[in-house]
Every structure is written in structure tokens, then in C-alpha cells.
Amino acid sequence: MRKDIEIPEVKEVYVAAVQEFNEEFKVDEWNAYIINNNSEPLETVIIVSQAYDDSKMTAPMRRTLSTLPAKGFAKIEFLEVNVLKLPNYFTVTYFLEGKLFDKRFEIPANAAIEDNAVTLPVMEKEGVLAR
């Protein structure tokens, strides 16, 4: 029976940390985004994020998007500098073409730095992709 269960592979969906200038506070800050590079929208997107290691842990944050458009992106949360010193985990669950997809992304501790930035799909900005 287990062989009959299909677990689809997540493709063209990304989580990234992007450094942006905050006009209000006049500082650079990091924000987490979800990116959909598929040609179809994602439906009922649920994101649970949390940062932790052996000695420290943040409270889990939950975010729901009813739809993430094809070739679209959405801000998940602000990433405070001290939180970036910990591994950050993002569990993303969504429906695409009637199938349920699920993947856990990680931004390793201290990885959100400009030296690790790459050009992100869809956003056309520089950012650090979660693995």
C-alpha cells in the first residue's frame, strides 16, 4: 500500500532572505520571501517558520496565503539580526494542480550575508536562497 502513495517533489518554489532598505527607519534589514516560479498559482499556502539551535529557540510563526500567483512572490516575515544567527526553518505546504506539496527549507545560521546572495527567480533581486 505504501508504494501506492505518491509524494510529489517540490519544484520551482523557493524561500529566500532578501536584504532591503527600510525607508522609515533608514536601515538595511533582511526579510523572508516565498517565490513561485511555476506557471500555475499555488493554492492554500501554509508557512510555518521557526529559528532554533541546541540552546535558543524562537516562537513559531504561521502564515497563510489563499493564493500565490504564478511567477509571483510574497513577503513572509522580517528577519531580525539576532534570529539570523540561528538556523531558520520554513515548512511550506501548498496545493498545485490538485496535489498537496510539502517541503522544509533552511537558511543556515549566519548564512544571510551579501557574499551568499544570488539573483533570485521572479523577483529579479539579490538574495540568499534557503536549501
C-alpha atoms as a PDB file:
ATOM      1  CA  MET A   1       0.000   0.000   0.000  1.00  0.00           C
ATOM      2  CA  ARG A   2       2.821   2.411   0.746  1.00  0.00           C
ATOM      3  CA  LYS A   3       4.070   2.015  -2.799  1.00  0.00           C
ATOM      4  CA  ASP A   4       0.748   3.487  -3.965  1.00  0.00           C
ATOM      5  CA  ILE A   5       1.307   6.764  -2.119  1.00  0.00           C
ATOM      6  CA  GLU A   6       2.663   9.439  -4.422  1.00  0.00           C
ATOM      7  CA  ILE A   7       4.792  12.128  -2.775  1.00  0.00           C
ATOM      8  CA  PRO A   8       5.306  14.855  -5.378  1.00  0.00           C
ATOM      9  CA  GLU A   9       8.640  16.684  -5.479  1.00  0.00           C
ATOM     10  CA  VAL A  10       8.606  20.430  -4.839  1.00  0.00           C
ATOM     11  CA  LYS A  11       9.920  22.270  -7.908  1.00  0.00           C
ATOM     12  CA  GLU A  12      10.151  25.961  -8.741  1.00  0.00           C
ATOM     13  CA  VAL A  13       9.099  27.078  -5.239  1.00  0.00           C
ATOM     14  CA  TYR A  14      11.725  28.864  -3.157  1.00  0.00           C
ATOM     15  CA  VAL A  15      12.219  30.614   0.166  1.00  0.00           C
ATOM     16  CA  ALA A  16      14.794  33.396   0.231  1.00  0.00           C
ATOM     17  CA  ALA A  17      16.200  36.037   2.559  1.00  0.00           C
ATOM     18  CA  VAL A  18      16.429  39.448   0.879  1.00  0.00           C
ATOM     19  CA  GLN A  19      18.239  42.475   2.247  1.00  0.00           C
ATOM     20  CA  GLU A  20      16.201  45.634   1.666  1.00  0.00           C
ATOM     21  CA  PHE A  21      16.465  49.252   2.728  1.00  0.00           C
ATOM     22  CA  ASN A  22      13.741  50.324   5.155  1.00  0.00           C
ATOM     23  CA  GLU A  23      12.855  53.930   4.261  1.00  0.00           C
ATOM     24  CA  GLU A  24      11.015  54.551   7.522  1.00  0.00           C
ATOM     25  CA  PHE A  25      13.907  53.573   9.805  1.00  0.00           C
ATOM     26  CA  LYS A  26      16.745  54.292   7.321  1.00  0.00           C
ATOM     27  CA  VAL A  27      18.403  50.889   7.825  1.00  0.00           C
ATOM     28  CA  ASP A  28      19.091  47.742   5.819  1.00  0.00           C
ATOM     29  CA  GLU A  29      17.041  44.782   7.010  1.00  0.00           C
ATOM     30  CA  TRP A  30      16.503  41.170   5.990  1.00  0.00           C
ATOM     31  CA  ASN A  31      13.074  39.833   5.003  1.00  0.00           C
ATOM     32  CA  ALA A  32      11.998  36.289   4.120  1.00  0.00           C
ATOM     33  CA  TYR A  33      10.026  35.737   0.895  1.00  0.00           C
ATOM     34  CA  ILE A  34       8.307  32.799  -0.752  1.00  0.00           C
ATOM     35  CA  ILE A  35       8.738  32.638  -4.534  1.00  0.00           C
ATOM     36  CA  ASN A  36       6.549  30.727  -7.006  1.00  0.00           C
ATOM     37  CA  ASN A  37       8.367  30.226 -10.321  1.00  0.00           C
ATOM     38  CA  ASN A  38       5.689  27.799 -11.603  1.00  0.00           C
ATOM     39  CA  SER A  39       3.352  28.659 -14.479  1.00  0.00           C
ATOM     40  CA  GLU A  40       0.355  27.881 -12.220  1.00  0.00           C
ATOM     41  CA  PRO A  41      -0.694  29.551  -8.951  1.00  0.00           C
ATOM     42  CA  LEU A  42      -0.143  27.881  -5.588  1.00  0.00           C
ATOM     43  CA  GLU A  43      -3.306  27.495  -3.530  1.00  0.00           C
ATOM     44  CA  THR A  44      -3.818  27.374   0.248  1.00  0.00           C
ATOM     45  CA  VAL A  45      -0.176  28.075   1.068  1.00  0.00           C
ATOM     46  CA  ILE A  46       0.715  27.461   4.714  1.00  0.00           C
ATOM     47  CA  ILE A  47       4.120  28.550   6.017  1.00  0.00           C
ATOM     48  CA  VAL A  48       5.431  27.735   9.487  1.00  0.00           C
ATOM     49  CA  SER A  49       8.758  29.313  10.371  1.00  0.00           C
ATOM     50  CA  GLN A  50      10.974  28.957  13.402  1.00  0.00           C
ATOM     51  CA  ALA A  51      14.634  29.511  14.261  1.00  0.00           C
ATOM     52  CA  TYR A  52      16.427  27.341  16.773  1.00  0.00           C
ATOM     53  CA  ASP A  53      19.602  25.560  17.783  1.00  0.00           C
ATOM     54  CA  ASP A  54      20.599  23.488  20.839  1.00  0.00           C
ATOM     55  CA  SER A  55      20.299  26.407  23.262  1.00  0.00           C
ATOM     56  CA  LYS A  56      17.965  29.033  21.754  1.00  0.00           C
ATOM     57  CA  MET A  57      14.570  28.952  20.073  1.00  0.00           C
ATOM     58  CA  THR A  58      12.111  31.475  18.662  1.00  0.00           C
ATOM     59  CA  ALA A  59       8.363  31.091  18.796  1.00  0.00           C
ATOM     60  CA  PRO A  60       6.889  29.506  15.660  1.00  0.00           C
ATOM     61  CA  MET A  61       5.314  31.926  13.190  1.00  0.00           C
ATOM     62  CA  ARG A  62       2.438  30.826  10.943  1.00  0.00           C
ATOM     63  CA  ARG A  63       1.335  32.494   7.742  1.00  0.00           C
ATOM     64  CA  THR A  64      -1.365  31.534   5.261  1.00  0.00           C
ATOM     65  CA  LEU A  65      -1.843  32.735   1.704  1.00  0.00           C
ATOM     66  CA  SER A  66      -5.024  31.775  -0.094  1.00  0.00           C
ATOM     67  CA  THR A  67      -3.225  32.050  -3.459  1.00  0.00           C
ATOM     68  CA  LEU A  68       0.316  32.803  -4.607  1.00  0.00           C
ATOM     69  CA  PRO A  69       0.132  33.798  -8.280  1.00  0.00           C
ATOM     70  CA  ALA A  70       2.153  32.086 -10.988  1.00  0.00           C
ATOM     71  CA  LYS A  71       5.567  33.759 -11.306  1.00  0.00           C
ATOM     72  CA  GLY A  72       4.783  35.642  -8.085  1.00  0.00           C
ATOM     73  CA  PHE A  73       6.230  36.159  -4.636  1.00  0.00           C
ATOM     74  CA  ALA A  74       5.099  37.258  -1.175  1.00  0.00           C
ATOM     75  CA  LYS A  75       6.830  38.528   1.935  1.00  0.00           C
ATOM     76  CA  ILE A  76       6.753  36.006   4.768  1.00  0.00           C
ATOM     77  CA  GLU A  77       8.343  37.925   7.617  1.00  0.00           C
ATOM     78  CA  PHE A  78      11.001  40.343   8.840  1.00  0.00           C
ATOM     79  CA  LEU A  79      14.172  38.542   9.955  1.00  0.00           C
ATOM     80  CA  GLU A  80      15.729  40.249  12.970  1.00  0.00           C
ATOM     81  CA  VAL A  81      19.556  40.235  13.024  1.00  0.00           C
ATOM     82  CA  ASN A  82      19.794  38.024  16.146  1.00  0.00           C
ATOM     83  CA  VAL A  83      17.435  35.471  14.578  1.00  0.00           C
ATOM     84  CA  LEU A  84      19.782  35.186  11.585  1.00  0.00           C
ATOM     85  CA  LYS A  85      22.484  33.875  13.952  1.00  0.00           C
ATOM     86  CA  LEU A  86      20.341  30.732  14.312  1.00  0.00           C
ATOM     87  CA  PRO A  87      19.294  28.223  11.642  1.00  0.00           C
ATOM     88  CA  ASN A  88      15.909  29.390  10.267  1.00  0.00           C
ATOM     89  CA  TYR A  89      13.430  26.727   9.131  1.00  0.00           C
ATOM     90  CA  PHE A  90      10.422  27.292   6.870  1.00  0.00           C
ATOM     91  CA  THR A  91       7.929  24.469   6.361  1.00  0.00           C
ATOM     92  CA  VAL A  92       5.882  25.233   3.254  1.00  0.00           C
ATOM     93  CA  THR A  93       2.730  23.305   2.355  1.00  0.00           C
ATOM     94  CA  TYR A  94       0.507  24.093  -0.636  1.00  0.00           C
ATOM     95  CA  PHE A  95      -1.754  22.726  -3.346  1.00  0.00           C
ATOM     96  CA  LEU A  96      -0.716  22.834  -7.007  1.00  0.00           C
ATOM     97  CA  GLU A  97      -2.898  21.320  -9.732  1.00  0.00           C
ATOM     98  CA  GLY A  98      -4.931  19.461  -7.098  1.00  0.00           C
ATOM     99  CA  LYS A  99      -1.913  17.813  -5.419  1.00  0.00           C
ATOM    100  CA  LEU A 100      -0.545  18.505  -1.949  1.00  0.00           C
ATOM    101  CA  PHE A 101       3.132  19.538  -1.758  1.00  0.00           C
ATOM    102  CA  ASP A 102       5.282  19.955   1.339  1.00  0.00           C
ATOM    103  CA  LYS A 103       8.915  20.946   1.879  1.00  0.00           C
ATOM    104  CA  ARG A 104      11.085  22.162   4.722  1.00  0.00           C
ATOM    105  CA  PHE A 105      13.540  24.898   3.737  1.00  0.00           C
ATOM    106  CA  GLU A 106      16.529  26.022   5.826  1.00  0.00           C
ATOM    107  CA  ILE A 107      18.576  29.191   5.923  1.00  0.00           C
ATOM    108  CA  PRO A 108      21.649  28.069   7.875  1.00  0.00           C
ATOM    109  CA  ALA A 109      22.954  30.092  10.815  1.00  0.00           C
ATOM    110  CA  ASN A 110      24.896  33.194   9.748  1.00  0.00           C
ATOM    111  CA  ALA A 111      24.250  32.446   6.037  1.00  0.00           C
ATOM    112  CA  ALA A 112      22.181  35.576   5.316  1.00  0.00           C
ATOM    113  CA  ILE A 113      25.071  37.763   4.199  1.00  0.00           C
ATOM    114  CA  GLU A 114      25.680  39.667   0.985  1.00  0.00           C
ATOM    115  CA  ASP A 115      28.515  37.294  -0.020  1.00  0.00           C
ATOM    116  CA  ASN A 116      25.980  34.433  -0.301  1.00  0.00           C
ATOM    117  CA  ALA A 117      23.485  36.408  -2.401  1.00  0.00           C
ATOM    118  CA  VAL A 118      22.407  35.194  -5.838  1.00  0.00           C
ATOM    119  CA  THR A 119      19.930  36.575  -8.356  1.00  0.00           C
ATOM    120  CA  LEU A 120      16.522  35.268  -7.320  1.00  0.00           C
ATOM    121  CA  PRO A 121      13.981  33.869  -9.783  1.00  0.00           C
ATOM    122  CA  VAL A 122      10.898  36.037 -10.431  1.00  0.00           C
ATOM    123  CA  MET A 123      11.939  38.815  -8.004  1.00  0.00           C
ATOM    124  CA  GLU A 124      14.948  39.975 -10.027  1.00  0.00           C
ATOM    125  CA  LYS A 125      16.681  40.930  -6.767  1.00  0.00           C
ATOM    126  CA  GLU A 126      19.686  39.579  -4.954  1.00  0.00           C
ATOM    127  CA  GLY A 127      19.039  37.283  -2.008  1.00  0.00           C
ATOM    128  CA  VAL A 128      20.089  34.154  -0.135  1.00  0.00           C
ATOM    129  CA  LEU A 129      18.160  31.038  -1.173  1.00  0.00           C
ATOM    130  CA  ALA A 130      17.127  28.584   1.513  1.00  0.00           C
ATOM    131  CA  ARG A 131      18.088  24.965   0.916  1.00  0.00           C
END
